[in-house]
PDB file of all heavy atoms in Angstrom:
ATOM      1  N   ASN A   1       8.389   0.411 -24.228  1.00  0.00           N
ATOM      2  CA  ASN A   1       9.163  -0.161 -25.326  1.00  0.00           C
ATOM      3  C   ASN A   1       9.284  -1.679 -25.172  1.00  0.00           C
ATOM      4  O   ASN A   1       9.129  -2.427 -26.143  1.00  0.00           O
ATOM      5  CB  ASN A   1      10.553   0.462 -25.365  1.00  0.00           C
ATOM      6  CG  ASN A   1      11.389  -0.069 -26.511  1.00  0.00           C
ATOM      7  OD1 ASN A   1      11.043   0.092 -27.682  1.00  0.00           O
ATOM      8  ND2 ASN A   1      12.499  -0.708 -26.188  1.00  0.00           N
ATOM      9  N   ILE A   2       9.538  -2.142 -23.963  1.00  0.00           N
ATOM     10  CA  ILE A   2       9.654  -3.580 -23.708  1.00  0.00           C
ATOM     11  C   ILE A   2       8.340  -4.291 -24.006  1.00  0.00           C
ATOM     12  O   ILE A   2       8.315  -5.350 -24.651  1.00  0.00           O
ATOM     13  CB  ILE A   2      10.081  -3.834 -22.247  1.00  0.00           C
ATOM     14  CG1 ILE A   2      11.538  -3.419 -22.038  1.00  0.00           C
ATOM     15  CG2 ILE A   2       9.902  -5.309 -21.869  1.00  0.00           C
ATOM     16  CD1 ILE A   2      11.975  -3.393 -20.594  1.00  0.00           C
ATOM     17  N   LEU A   3       7.240  -3.706 -23.568  1.00  0.00           N
ATOM     18  CA  LEU A   3       5.941  -4.349 -23.755  1.00  0.00           C
ATOM     19  C   LEU A   3       5.549  -4.452 -25.225  1.00  0.00           C
ATOM     20  O   LEU A   3       4.796  -5.343 -25.614  1.00  0.00           O
ATOM     21  CB  LEU A   3       4.859  -3.584 -22.981  1.00  0.00           C
ATOM     22  CG  LEU A   3       5.000  -3.620 -21.451  1.00  0.00           C
ATOM     23  CD1 LEU A   3       3.912  -2.798 -20.792  1.00  0.00           C
ATOM     24  CD2 LEU A   3       4.972  -5.055 -20.936  1.00  0.00           C
ATOM     25  N   LEU A   4       6.094  -3.571 -26.038  1.00  0.00           N
ATOM     26  CA  LEU A   4       5.786  -3.612 -27.472  1.00  0.00           C
ATOM     27  C   LEU A   4       6.736  -4.499 -28.263  1.00  0.00           C
ATOM     28  O   LEU A   4       6.346  -5.097 -29.264  1.00  0.00           O
ATOM     29  CB  LEU A   4       5.826  -2.193 -28.054  1.00  0.00           C
ATOM     30  CG  LEU A   4       4.665  -1.271 -27.702  1.00  0.00           C
ATOM     31  CD1 LEU A   4       4.938   0.134 -28.216  1.00  0.00           C
ATOM     32  CD2 LEU A   4       3.356  -1.811 -28.283  1.00  0.00           C
ATOM     33  N   THR A   5       7.989  -4.595 -27.824  1.00  0.00           N
ATOM     34  CA  THR A   5       9.001  -5.217 -28.687  1.00  0.00           C
ATOM     35  C   THR A   5       9.670  -6.473 -28.129  1.00  0.00           C
ATOM     36  O   THR A   5      10.162  -7.290 -28.897  1.00  0.00           O
ATOM     37  CB  THR A   5      10.118  -4.196 -29.001  1.00  0.00           C
ATOM     38  OG1 THR A   5      10.784  -3.837 -27.771  1.00  0.00           O
ATOM     39  CG2 THR A   5       9.544  -2.945 -29.637  1.00  0.00           C
ATOM     40  N   ALA A   6       9.730  -6.629 -26.813  1.00  0.00           N
ATOM     41  CA  ALA A   6      10.518  -7.732 -26.239  1.00  0.00           C
ATOM     42  C   ALA A   6       9.880  -9.084 -26.514  1.00  0.00           C
ATOM     43  O   ALA A   6       8.652  -9.212 -26.590  1.00  0.00           O
ATOM     44  CB  ALA A   6      10.692  -7.540 -24.738  1.00  0.00           C
ATOM     45  N   SER A   7      10.740 -10.097 -26.640  1.00  0.00           N
ATOM     46  CA  SER A   7      10.257 -11.466 -26.865  1.00  0.00           C
ATOM     47  C   SER A   7      10.856 -12.421 -25.838  1.00  0.00           C
ATOM     48  O   SER A   7      11.077 -13.587 -26.128  1.00  0.00           O
ATOM     49  CB  SER A   7      10.613 -11.923 -28.285  1.00  0.00           C
ATOM     50  OG  SER A   7       9.976 -11.131 -29.242  1.00  0.00           O
ATOM     51  N   ASN A   8      11.104 -11.896 -24.666  1.00  0.00           N
ATOM     52  CA  ASN A   8      11.633 -12.711 -23.587  1.00  0.00           C
ATOM     53  C   ASN A   8      10.583 -12.799 -22.492  1.00  0.00           C
ATOM     54  O   ASN A   8      10.106 -11.785 -21.998  1.00  0.00           O
ATOM     55  CB  ASN A   8      12.921 -12.078 -23.042  1.00  0.00           C
ATOM     56  CG  ASN A   8      13.443 -12.795 -21.824  1.00  0.00           C
ATOM     57  OD1 ASN A   8      12.943 -12.568 -20.732  1.00  0.00           O
ATOM     58  ND2 ASN A   8      14.411 -13.649 -22.000  1.00  0.00           N
ATOM     59  N   LYS A   9      10.228 -14.009 -22.096  1.00  0.00           N
ATOM     60  CA  LYS A   9       9.142 -14.198 -21.128  1.00  0.00           C
ATOM     61  C   LYS A   9       9.402 -13.478 -19.813  1.00  0.00           C
ATOM     62  O   LYS A   9       8.527 -12.786 -19.289  1.00  0.00           O
ATOM     63  CB  LYS A   9       8.941 -15.689 -20.858  1.00  0.00           C
ATOM     64  CG  LYS A   9       8.251 -16.439 -21.971  1.00  0.00           C
ATOM     65  CD  LYS A   9       8.003 -17.873 -21.553  1.00  0.00           C
ATOM     66  CE  LYS A   9       7.267 -18.639 -22.640  1.00  0.00           C
ATOM     67  NZ  LYS A   9       7.010 -20.041 -22.238  1.00  0.00           N
ATOM     68  N   GLU A  10      10.584 -13.666 -19.270  1.00  0.00           N
ATOM     69  CA  GLU A  10      10.893 -13.074 -17.969  1.00  0.00           C
ATOM     70  C   GLU A  10      10.840 -11.551 -18.034  1.00  0.00           C
ATOM     71  O   GLU A  10      10.277 -10.895 -17.150  1.00  0.00           O
ATOM     72  CB  GLU A  10      12.283 -13.523 -17.499  1.00  0.00           C
ATOM     73  CG  GLU A  10      12.357 -14.979 -17.081  1.00  0.00           C
ATOM     74  CD  GLU A  10      11.632 -15.258 -15.772  1.00  0.00           C
ATOM     75  OE1 GLU A  10      11.439 -14.317 -14.977  1.00  0.00           O
ATOM     76  OE2 GLU A  10      11.256 -16.415 -15.540  1.00  0.00           O
ATOM     77  N   LEU A  11      11.441 -10.996 -19.059  1.00  0.00           N
ATOM     78  CA  LEU A  11      11.493  -9.543 -19.194  1.00  0.00           C
ATOM     79  C   LEU A  11      10.099  -8.961 -19.397  1.00  0.00           C
ATOM     80  O   LEU A  11       9.734  -7.940 -18.798  1.00  0.00           O
ATOM     81  CB  LEU A  11      12.410  -9.153 -20.357  1.00  0.00           C
ATOM     82  CG  LEU A  11      12.646  -7.654 -20.568  1.00  0.00           C
ATOM     83  CD1 LEU A  11      13.208  -7.003 -19.310  1.00  0.00           C
ATOM     84  CD2 LEU A  11      13.589  -7.433 -21.745  1.00  0.00           C
ATOM     85  N   LEU A  12       9.291  -9.600 -20.238  1.00  0.00           N
ATOM     86  CA  LEU A  12       7.929  -9.128 -20.476  1.00  0.00           C
ATOM     87  C   LEU A  12       7.084  -9.203 -19.213  1.00  0.00           C
ATOM     88  O   LEU A  12       6.338  -8.275 -18.891  1.00  0.00           O
ATOM     89  CB  LEU A  12       7.282  -9.957 -21.583  1.00  0.00           C
ATOM     90  CG  LEU A  12       7.502  -9.467 -23.009  1.00  0.00           C
ATOM     91  CD1 LEU A  12       7.116 -10.541 -24.006  1.00  0.00           C
ATOM     92  CD2 LEU A  12       6.705  -8.202 -23.262  1.00  0.00           C
ATOM     93  N   ALA A  13       7.199 -10.309 -18.496  1.00  0.00           N
ATOM     94  CA  ALA A  13       6.413 -10.484 -17.275  1.00  0.00           C
ATOM     95  C   ALA A  13       6.756  -9.414 -16.248  1.00  0.00           C
ATOM     96  O   ALA A  13       5.870  -8.802 -15.634  1.00  0.00           O
ATOM     97  CB  ALA A  13       6.660 -11.872 -16.689  1.00  0.00           C
ATOM     98  N   ILE A  14       8.040  -9.164 -16.065  1.00  0.00           N
ATOM     99  CA  ILE A  14       8.467  -8.179 -15.075  1.00  0.00           C
ATOM    100  C   ILE A  14       8.111  -6.762 -15.527  1.00  0.00           C
ATOM    101  O   ILE A  14       7.788  -5.905 -14.710  1.00  0.00           O
ATOM    102  CB  ILE A  14       9.967  -8.346 -14.783  1.00  0.00           C
ATOM    103  CG1 ILE A  14      10.161  -9.614 -13.941  1.00  0.00           C
ATOM    104  CG2 ILE A  14      10.556  -7.136 -14.094  1.00  0.00           C
ATOM    105  CD1 ILE A  14      11.568  -9.980 -13.631  1.00  0.00           C
ATOM    106  N   ALA A  15       8.141  -6.529 -16.839  1.00  0.00           N
ATOM    107  CA  ALA A  15       7.730  -5.216 -17.349  1.00  0.00           C
ATOM    108  C   ALA A  15       6.245  -4.974 -17.052  1.00  0.00           C
ATOM    109  O   ALA A  15       5.856  -3.867 -16.651  1.00  0.00           O
ATOM    110  CB  ALA A  15       8.001  -5.127 -18.844  1.00  0.00           C
ATOM    111  N   LEU A  16       5.410  -5.994 -17.242  1.00  0.00           N
ATOM    112  CA  LEU A  16       3.991  -5.865 -16.915  1.00  0.00           C
ATOM    113  C   LEU A  16       3.799  -5.614 -15.422  1.00  0.00           C
ATOM    114  O   LEU A  16       2.976  -4.785 -15.011  1.00  0.00           O
ATOM    115  CB  LEU A  16       3.235  -7.135 -17.324  1.00  0.00           C
ATOM    116  CG  LEU A  16       2.832  -7.241 -18.788  1.00  0.00           C
ATOM    117  CD1 LEU A  16       2.362  -8.654 -19.112  1.00  0.00           C
ATOM    118  CD2 LEU A  16       1.731  -6.232 -19.114  1.00  0.00           C
ATOM    119  N   TYR A  17       4.572  -6.326 -14.620  1.00  0.00           N
ATOM    120  CA  TYR A  17       4.487  -6.169 -13.170  1.00  0.00           C
ATOM    121  C   TYR A  17       4.849  -4.743 -12.751  1.00  0.00           C
ATOM    122  O   TYR A  17       4.121  -4.106 -11.982  1.00  0.00           O
ATOM    123  CB  TYR A  17       5.421  -7.184 -12.509  1.00  0.00           C
ATOM    124  CG  TYR A  17       5.626  -6.972 -11.029  1.00  0.00           C
ATOM    125  CD1 TYR A  17       4.628  -7.302 -10.112  1.00  0.00           C
ATOM    126  CD2 TYR A  17       6.824  -6.434 -10.548  1.00  0.00           C
ATOM    127  CE1 TYR A  17       4.814  -7.109  -8.753  1.00  0.00           C
ATOM    128  CE2 TYR A  17       7.014  -6.238  -9.192  1.00  0.00           C
ATOM    129  CZ  TYR A  17       6.017  -6.573  -8.299  1.00  0.00           C
ATOM    130  OH  TYR A  17       6.203  -6.377  -6.953  1.00  0.00           O
ATOM    131  N   TYR A  18       5.958  -4.223 -13.283  1.00  0.00           N
ATOM    132  CA  TYR A  18       6.365  -2.867 -12.921  1.00  0.00           C
ATOM    133  C   TYR A  18       5.416  -1.813 -13.486  1.00  0.00           C
ATOM    134  O   TYR A  18       5.188  -0.766 -12.864  1.00  0.00           O
ATOM    135  CB  TYR A  18       7.797  -2.595 -13.372  1.00  0.00           C
ATOM    136  CG  TYR A  18       8.830  -3.079 -12.381  1.00  0.00           C
ATOM    137  CD1 TYR A  18       9.797  -4.003 -12.756  1.00  0.00           C
ATOM    138  CD2 TYR A  18       8.835  -2.625 -11.067  1.00  0.00           C
ATOM    139  CE1 TYR A  18      10.743  -4.466 -11.842  1.00  0.00           C
ATOM    140  CE2 TYR A  18       9.767  -3.076 -10.155  1.00  0.00           C
ATOM    141  CZ  TYR A  18      10.716  -3.997 -10.546  1.00  0.00           C
ATOM    142  OH  TYR A  18      11.632  -4.448  -9.635  1.00  0.00           O
ATOM    143  N   LYS A  19       4.852  -2.097 -14.652  1.00  0.00           N
ATOM    144  CA  LYS A  19       3.875  -1.160 -15.219  1.00  0.00           C
ATOM    145  C   LYS A  19       2.663  -1.069 -14.293  1.00  0.00           C
ATOM    146  O   LYS A  19       2.114   0.024 -14.056  1.00  0.00           O
ATOM    147  CB  LYS A  19       3.457  -1.629 -16.617  1.00  0.00           C
ATOM    148  CG  LYS A  19       2.678  -0.589 -17.404  1.00  0.00           C
ATOM    149  CD  LYS A  19       3.525   0.593 -17.811  1.00  0.00           C
ATOM    150  CE  LYS A  19       2.740   1.590 -18.637  1.00  0.00           C
ATOM    151  NZ  LYS A  19       3.527   2.766 -19.005  1.00  0.00           N
ATOM    152  N   GLY A  20       2.267  -2.218 -13.760  1.00  0.00           N
ATOM    153  CA  GLY A  20       1.171  -2.225 -12.796  1.00  0.00           C
ATOM    154  C   GLY A  20       1.528  -1.462 -11.536  1.00  0.00           C
ATOM    155  O   GLY A  20       0.725  -0.687 -11.005  1.00  0.00           O
ATOM    156  N   LYS A  21       2.750  -1.664 -11.047  1.00  0.00           N
ATOM    157  CA  LYS A  21       3.193  -0.991  -9.825  1.00  0.00           C
ATOM    158  C   LYS A  21       3.266   0.530 -10.023  1.00  0.00           C
ATOM    159  O   LYS A  21       2.832   1.303  -9.159  1.00  0.00           O
ATOM    160  CB  LYS A  21       4.577  -1.510  -9.421  1.00  0.00           C
ATOM    161  CG  LYS A  21       4.616  -2.978  -9.054  1.00  0.00           C
ATOM    162  CD  LYS A  21       4.542  -3.209  -7.573  1.00  0.00           C
ATOM    163  CE  LYS A  21       5.834  -2.851  -6.892  1.00  0.00           C
ATOM    164  NZ  LYS A  21       5.818  -3.218  -5.449  1.00  0.00           N
ATOM    165  N   VAL A  22       3.823   0.956 -11.152  1.00  0.00           N
ATOM    166  CA  VAL A  22       3.938   2.388 -11.430  1.00  0.00           C
ATOM    167  C   VAL A  22       2.550   3.024 -11.525  1.00  0.00           C
ATOM    168  O   VAL A  22       2.301   4.098 -10.956  1.00  0.00           O
ATOM    169  CB  VAL A  22       4.720   2.621 -12.745  1.00  0.00           C
ATOM    170  CG1 VAL A  22       4.587   4.063 -13.206  1.00  0.00           C
ATOM    171  CG2 VAL A  22       6.186   2.262 -12.560  1.00  0.00           C
ATOM    172  N   THR A  23       1.654   2.346 -12.231  1.00  0.00           N
ATOM    173  CA  THR A  23       0.305   2.877 -12.406  1.00  0.00           C
ATOM    174  C   THR A  23      -0.448   2.938 -11.084  1.00  0.00           C
ATOM    175  O   THR A  23      -1.216   3.877 -10.828  1.00  0.00           O
ATOM    176  CB  THR A  23      -0.486   2.005 -13.405  1.00  0.00           C
ATOM    177  OG1 THR A  23       0.277   1.847 -14.605  1.00  0.00           O
ATOM    178  CG2 THR A  23      -1.825   2.643 -13.755  1.00  0.00           C
ATOM    179  N   LEU A  24      -0.197   1.956 -10.229  1.00  0.00           N
ATOM    180  CA  LEU A  24      -0.899   1.896  -8.949  1.00  0.00           C
ATOM    181  C   LEU A  24      -0.342   2.879  -7.931  1.00  0.00           C
ATOM    182  O   LEU A  24      -1.091   3.648  -7.306  1.00  0.00           O
ATOM    183  CB  LEU A  24      -0.821   0.473  -8.384  1.00  0.00           C
ATOM    184  CG  LEU A  24      -1.493   0.240  -7.030  1.00  0.00           C
ATOM    185  CD1 LEU A  24      -2.992   0.466  -7.121  1.00  0.00           C
ATOM    186  CD2 LEU A  24      -1.200  -1.175  -6.528  1.00  0.00           C
ATOM    187  N   TYR A  25       0.960   2.898  -7.772  1.00  0.00           N
ATOM    188  CA  TYR A  25       1.562   3.647  -6.662  1.00  0.00           C
ATOM    189  C   TYR A  25       2.012   5.064  -7.028  1.00  0.00           C
ATOM    190  O   TYR A  25       2.184   5.894  -6.138  1.00  0.00           O
ATOM    191  CB  TYR A  25       2.734   2.861  -6.089  1.00  0.00           C
ATOM    192  CG  TYR A  25       2.302   1.536  -5.503  1.00  0.00           C
ATOM    193  CD1 TYR A  25       2.652   0.340  -6.118  1.00  0.00           C
ATOM    194  CD2 TYR A  25       1.516   1.490  -4.354  1.00  0.00           C
ATOM    195  CE1 TYR A  25       2.241  -0.874  -5.592  1.00  0.00           C
ATOM    196  CE2 TYR A  25       1.097   0.278  -3.828  1.00  0.00           C
ATOM    197  CZ  TYR A  25       1.456  -0.903  -4.445  1.00  0.00           C
ATOM    198  OH  TYR A  25       1.030  -2.114  -3.931  1.00  0.00           O
ATOM    199  N   PHE A  26       2.188   5.330  -8.314  1.00  0.00           N
ATOM    200  CA  PHE A  26       2.588   6.681  -8.712  1.00  0.00           C
ATOM    201  C   PHE A  26       1.445   7.425  -9.416  1.00  0.00           C
ATOM    202  O   PHE A  26       1.231   8.606  -9.169  1.00  0.00           O
ATOM    203  CB  PHE A  26       3.819   6.640  -9.615  1.00  0.00           C
ATOM    204  CG  PHE A  26       5.063   6.181  -8.896  1.00  0.00           C
ATOM    205  CD1 PHE A  26       5.593   4.926  -9.134  1.00  0.00           C
ATOM    206  CD2 PHE A  26       5.696   6.993  -7.969  1.00  0.00           C
ATOM    207  CE1 PHE A  26       6.725   4.481  -8.470  1.00  0.00           C
ATOM    208  CE2 PHE A  26       6.832   6.567  -7.295  1.00  0.00           C
ATOM    209  CZ  PHE A  26       7.349   5.309  -7.541  1.00  0.00           C
ATOM    210  N   SER A  27       0.734   6.717 -10.289  1.00  0.00           N
ATOM    211  CA  SER A  27      -0.395   7.354 -10.989  1.00  0.00           C
ATOM    212  C   SER A  27      -1.705   7.203 -10.226  1.00  0.00           C
ATOM    213  O   SER A  27      -2.703   7.845 -10.580  1.00  0.00           O
ATOM    214  CB  SER A  27      -0.547   6.748 -12.395  1.00  0.00           C
ATOM    215  OG  SER A  27       0.632   6.922 -13.146  1.00  0.00           O
ATOM    216  N   LYS A  28      -1.706   6.324  -9.234  1.00  0.00           N
ATOM    217  CA  LYS A  28      -2.882   6.108  -8.377  1.00  0.00           C
ATOM    218  C   LYS A  28      -4.112   5.663  -9.167  1.00  0.00           C
ATOM    219  O   LYS A  28      -5.239   6.020  -8.843  1.00  0.00           O
ATOM    220  CB  LYS A  28      -3.216   7.389  -7.589  1.00  0.00           C
ATOM    221  CG  LYS A  28      -2.058   7.985  -6.800  1.00  0.00           C
ATOM    222  CD  LYS A  28      -1.564   7.050  -5.722  1.00  0.00           C
ATOM    223  CE  LYS A  28      -0.443   7.674  -4.907  1.00  0.00           C
ATOM    224  NZ  LYS A  28       0.107   6.761  -3.878  1.00  0.00           N
ATOM    225  N   ASN A  29      -3.870   4.856 -10.205  1.00  0.00           N
ATOM    226  CA  ASN A  29      -4.983   4.361 -11.016  1.00  0.00           C
ATOM    227  C   ASN A  29      -5.101   2.857 -10.791  1.00  0.00           C
ATOM    228  O   ASN A  29      -4.452   2.067 -11.472  1.00  0.00           O
ATOM    229  CB  ASN A  29      -4.754   4.682 -12.493  1.00  0.00           C
ATOM    230  CG  ASN A  29      -5.999   4.451 -13.315  1.00  0.00           C
ATOM    231  OD1 ASN A  29      -6.775   3.534 -13.063  1.00  0.00           O
ATOM    232  ND2 ASN A  29      -6.207   5.299 -14.325  1.00  0.00           N
ATOM    233  N   ARG A  30      -5.924   2.472  -9.839  1.00  0.00           N
ATOM    234  CA  ARG A  30      -6.031   1.074  -9.445  1.00  0.00           C
ATOM    235  C   ARG A  30      -6.595   0.199 -10.568  1.00  0.00           C
ATOM    236  O   ARG A  30      -6.093  -0.908 -10.815  1.00  0.00           O
ATOM    237  CB  ARG A  30      -6.919   0.955  -8.210  1.00  0.00           C
ATOM    238  CG  ARG A  30      -7.171  -0.480  -7.750  1.00  0.00           C
ATOM    239  CD  ARG A  30      -8.051  -0.513  -6.499  1.00  0.00           C
ATOM    240  NE  ARG A  30      -8.593  -1.833  -6.289  1.00  0.00           N
ATOM    241  CZ  ARG A  30      -9.681  -2.299  -6.874  1.00  0.00           C
ATOM    242  NH1 ARG A  30     -10.348  -1.523  -7.745  1.00  0.00           N
ATOM    243  NH2 ARG A  30     -10.114  -3.524  -6.649  1.00  0.00           N
ATOM    244  N   ASP A  31      -7.611   0.648 -11.265  1.00  0.00           N
ATOM    245  CA  ASP A  31      -8.253  -0.169 -12.292  1.00  0.00           C
ATOM    246  C   ASP A  31      -7.290  -0.501 -13.435  1.00  0.00           C
ATOM    247  O   ASP A  31      -7.230  -1.643 -13.901  1.00  0.00           O
ATOM    248  CB  ASP A  31      -9.490   0.539 -12.853  1.00  0.00           C
ATOM    249  CG  ASP A  31     -10.611   0.624 -11.820  1.00  0.00           C
ATOM    250  OD1 ASP A  31     -10.591  -0.188 -10.867  1.00  0.00           O
ATOM    251  OD2 ASP A  31     -11.473   1.517 -11.948  1.00  0.00           O
ATOM    252  N   ILE A  32      -6.538   0.507 -13.902  1.00  0.00           N
ATOM    253  CA  ILE A  32      -5.587   0.269 -14.985  1.00  0.00           C
ATOM    254  C   ILE A  32      -4.448  -0.622 -14.516  1.00  0.00           C
ATOM    255  O   ILE A  32      -3.997  -1.523 -15.240  1.00  0.00           O
ATOM    256  CB  ILE A  32      -5.028   1.605 -15.533  1.00  0.00           C
ATOM    257  CG1 ILE A  32      -6.146   2.450 -16.121  1.00  0.00           C
ATOM    258  CG2 ILE A  32      -3.948   1.341 -16.584  1.00  0.00           C
ATOM    259  CD1 ILE A  32      -6.847   1.810 -17.304  1.00  0.00           C
ATOM    260  N   SER A  33      -4.002  -0.394 -13.294  1.00  0.00           N
ATOM    261  CA  SER A  33      -2.898  -1.209 -12.764  1.00  0.00           C
ATOM    262  C   SER A  33      -3.294  -2.682 -12.703  1.00  0.00           C
ATOM    263  O   SER A  33      -2.483  -3.563 -13.013  1.00  0.00           O
ATOM    264  CB  SER A  33      -2.476  -0.717 -11.381  1.00  0.00           C
ATOM    265  OG  SER A  33      -3.448  -1.012 -10.404  1.00  0.00           O
ATOM    266  N   LEU A  34      -4.525  -2.948 -12.309  1.00  0.00           N
ATOM    267  CA  LEU A  34      -4.984  -4.339 -12.219  1.00  0.00           C
ATOM    268  C   LEU A  34      -4.973  -5.020 -13.581  1.00  0.00           C
ATOM    269  O   LEU A  34      -4.725  -6.224 -13.674  1.00  0.00           O
ATOM    270  CB  LEU A  34      -6.383  -4.397 -11.608  1.00  0.00           C
ATOM    271  CG  LEU A  34      -6.458  -4.145 -10.094  1.00  0.00           C
ATOM    272  CD1 LEU A  34      -7.902  -4.087  -9.621  1.00  0.00           C
ATOM    273  CD2 LEU A  34      -5.683  -5.207  -9.336  1.00  0.00           C
ATOM    274  N   LYS A  35      -5.205  -4.264 -14.626  1.00  0.00           N
ATOM    275  CA  LYS A  35      -5.161  -4.850 -15.970  1.00  0.00           C
ATOM    276  C   LYS A  35      -3.757  -5.355 -16.294  1.00  0.00           C
ATOM    277  O   LYS A  35      -3.590  -6.431 -16.882  1.00  0.00           O
ATOM    278  CB  LYS A  35      -5.618  -3.830 -17.012  1.00  0.00           C
ATOM    279  CG  LYS A  35      -7.112  -3.546 -16.975  1.00  0.00           C
ATOM    280  CD  LYS A  35      -7.535  -2.656 -18.136  1.00  0.00           C
ATOM    281  CE  LYS A  35      -9.034  -2.445 -18.140  1.00  0.00           C
ATOM    282  NZ  LYS A  35      -9.483  -1.631 -19.306  1.00  0.00           N
ATOM    283  N   TYR A  36      -2.742  -4.565 -15.900  1.00  0.00           N
ATOM    284  CA  TYR A  36      -1.364  -5.021 -16.129  1.00  0.00           C
ATOM    285  C   TYR A  36      -1.058  -6.267 -15.306  1.00  0.00           C
ATOM    286  O   TYR A  36      -0.471  -7.233 -15.816  1.00  0.00           O
ATOM    287  CB  TYR A  36      -0.381  -3.904 -15.780  1.00  0.00           C
ATOM    288  CG  TYR A  36      -0.383  -2.752 -16.756  1.00  0.00           C
ATOM    289  CD1 TYR A  36      -0.785  -1.482 -16.368  1.00  0.00           C
ATOM    290  CD2 TYR A  36       0.016  -2.949 -18.082  1.00  0.00           C
ATOM    291  CE1 TYR A  36      -0.788  -0.425 -17.270  1.00  0.00           C
ATOM    292  CE2 TYR A  36       0.025  -1.899 -18.989  1.00  0.00           C
ATOM    293  CZ  TYR A  36      -0.380  -0.635 -18.575  1.00  0.00           C
ATOM    294  OH  TYR A  36      -0.385   0.412 -19.473  1.00  0.00           O
ATOM    295  N   PHE A  37      -1.454  -6.260 -14.037  1.00  0.00           N
ATOM    296  CA  PHE A  37      -1.213  -7.419 -13.183  1.00  0.00           C
ATOM    297  C   PHE A  37      -1.952  -8.657 -13.710  1.00  0.00           C
ATOM    298  O   PHE A  37      -1.424  -9.768 -13.670  1.00  0.00           O
ATOM    299  CB  PHE A  37      -1.661  -7.131 -11.745  1.00  0.00           C
ATOM    300  CG  PHE A  37      -0.831  -6.107 -11.031  1.00  0.00           C
ATOM    301  CD1 PHE A  37      -1.435  -5.106 -10.271  1.00  0.00           C
ATOM    302  CD2 PHE A  37       0.549  -6.128 -11.106  1.00  0.00           C
ATOM    303  CE1 PHE A  37      -0.681  -4.158  -9.604  1.00  0.00           C
ATOM    304  CE2 PHE A  37       1.327  -5.177 -10.448  1.00  0.00           C
ATOM    305  CZ  PHE A  37       0.702  -4.189  -9.695  1.00  0.00           C
ATOM    306  N   ILE A  38      -3.163  -8.471 -14.203  1.00  0.00           N
ATOM    307  CA  ILE A  38      -3.958  -9.590 -14.716  1.00  0.00           C
ATOM    308  C   ILE A  38      -3.329 -10.171 -15.976  1.00  0.00           C
ATOM    309  O   ILE A  38      -3.284 -11.387 -16.165  1.00  0.00           O
ATOM    310  CB  ILE A  38      -5.416  -9.149 -14.974  1.00  0.00           C
ATOM    311  CG1 ILE A  38      -6.131  -8.903 -13.642  1.00  0.00           C
ATOM    312  CG2 ILE A  38      -6.168 -10.201 -15.796  1.00  0.00           C
ATOM    313  CD1 ILE A  38      -7.478  -8.208 -13.782  1.00  0.00           C
ATOM    314  N   ASN A  39      -2.821  -9.303 -16.862  1.00  0.00           N
ATOM    315  CA  ASN A  39      -2.151  -9.799 -18.070  1.00  0.00           C
ATOM    316  C   ASN A  39      -0.886 -10.575 -17.717  1.00  0.00           C
ATOM    317  O   ASN A  39      -0.574 -11.600 -18.327  1.00  0.00           O
ATOM    318  CB  ASN A  39      -1.817  -8.630 -18.996  1.00  0.00           C
ATOM    319  CG  ASN A  39      -2.977  -8.258 -19.900  1.00  0.00           C
ATOM    320  OD1 ASN A  39      -3.173  -8.856 -20.948  1.00  0.00           O
ATOM    321  ND2 ASN A  39      -3.761  -7.280 -19.473  1.00  0.00           N
ATOM    322  N   CYS A  40      -0.157 -10.086 -16.714  1.00  0.00           N
ATOM    323  CA  CYS A  40       1.035 -10.807 -16.249  1.00  0.00           C
ATOM    324  C   CYS A  40       0.627 -12.173 -15.699  1.00  0.00           C
ATOM    325  O   CYS A  40       1.277 -13.189 -15.981  1.00  0.00           O
ATOM    326  CB  CYS A  40       1.745  -9.988 -15.175  1.00  0.00           C
ATOM    327  SG  CYS A  40       3.264 -10.737 -14.567  1.00  0.00           S
ATOM    328  N   TYR A  41      -0.448 -12.200 -14.938  1.00  0.00           N
ATOM    329  CA  TYR A  41      -0.955 -13.448 -14.367  1.00  0.00           C
ATOM    330  C   TYR A  41      -1.404 -14.418 -15.457  1.00  0.00           C
ATOM    331  O   TYR A  41      -1.123 -15.617 -15.400  1.00  0.00           O
ATOM    332  CB  TYR A  41      -2.122 -13.125 -13.426  1.00  0.00           C
ATOM    333  CG  TYR A  41      -3.031 -14.288 -13.136  1.00  0.00           C
ATOM    334  CD1 TYR A  41      -2.654 -15.295 -12.261  1.00  0.00           C
ATOM    335  CD2 TYR A  41      -4.283 -14.374 -13.749  1.00  0.00           C
ATOM    336  CE1 TYR A  41      -3.507 -16.371 -12.004  1.00  0.00           C
ATOM    337  CE2 TYR A  41      -5.137 -15.433 -13.507  1.00  0.00           C
ATOM    338  CZ  TYR A  41      -4.744 -16.426 -12.625  1.00  0.00           C
ATOM    339  OH  TYR A  41      -5.577 -17.500 -12.385  1.00  0.00           O
ATOM    340  N   TYR A  42      -2.063 -13.907 -16.469  1.00  0.00           N
ATOM    341  CA  TYR A  42      -2.642 -14.769 -17.503  1.00  0.00           C
ATOM    342  C   TYR A  42      -1.589 -15.334 -18.448  1.00  0.00           C
ATOM    343  O   TYR A  42      -1.595 -16.531 -18.763  1.00  0.00           O
ATOM    344  CB  TYR A  42      -3.672 -13.968 -18.309  1.00  0.00           C
ATOM    345  CG  TYR A  42      -4.352 -14.764 -19.390  1.00  0.00           C
ATOM    346  CD1 TYR A  42      -5.397 -15.634 -19.092  1.00  0.00           C
ATOM    347  CD2 TYR A  42      -3.942 -14.655 -20.715  1.00  0.00           C
ATOM    348  CE1 TYR A  42      -6.018 -16.375 -20.082  1.00  0.00           C
ATOM    349  CE2 TYR A  42      -4.556 -15.393 -21.712  1.00  0.00           C
ATOM    350  CZ  TYR A  42      -5.595 -16.250 -21.394  1.00  0.00           C
ATOM    351  OH  TYR A  42      -6.185 -16.986 -22.375  1.00  0.00           O
TER     352      TYR A  42
END
């Protein structure tokens, strides 16, 4: 929901970061997680 609707830089960045963490450490999908981390970085 945050990634679709939020307009706050800090909140969006941290949401991308946690989405990457959840995908990496709970879903075990490294490739998808890196996409979230890369978008946060960019």
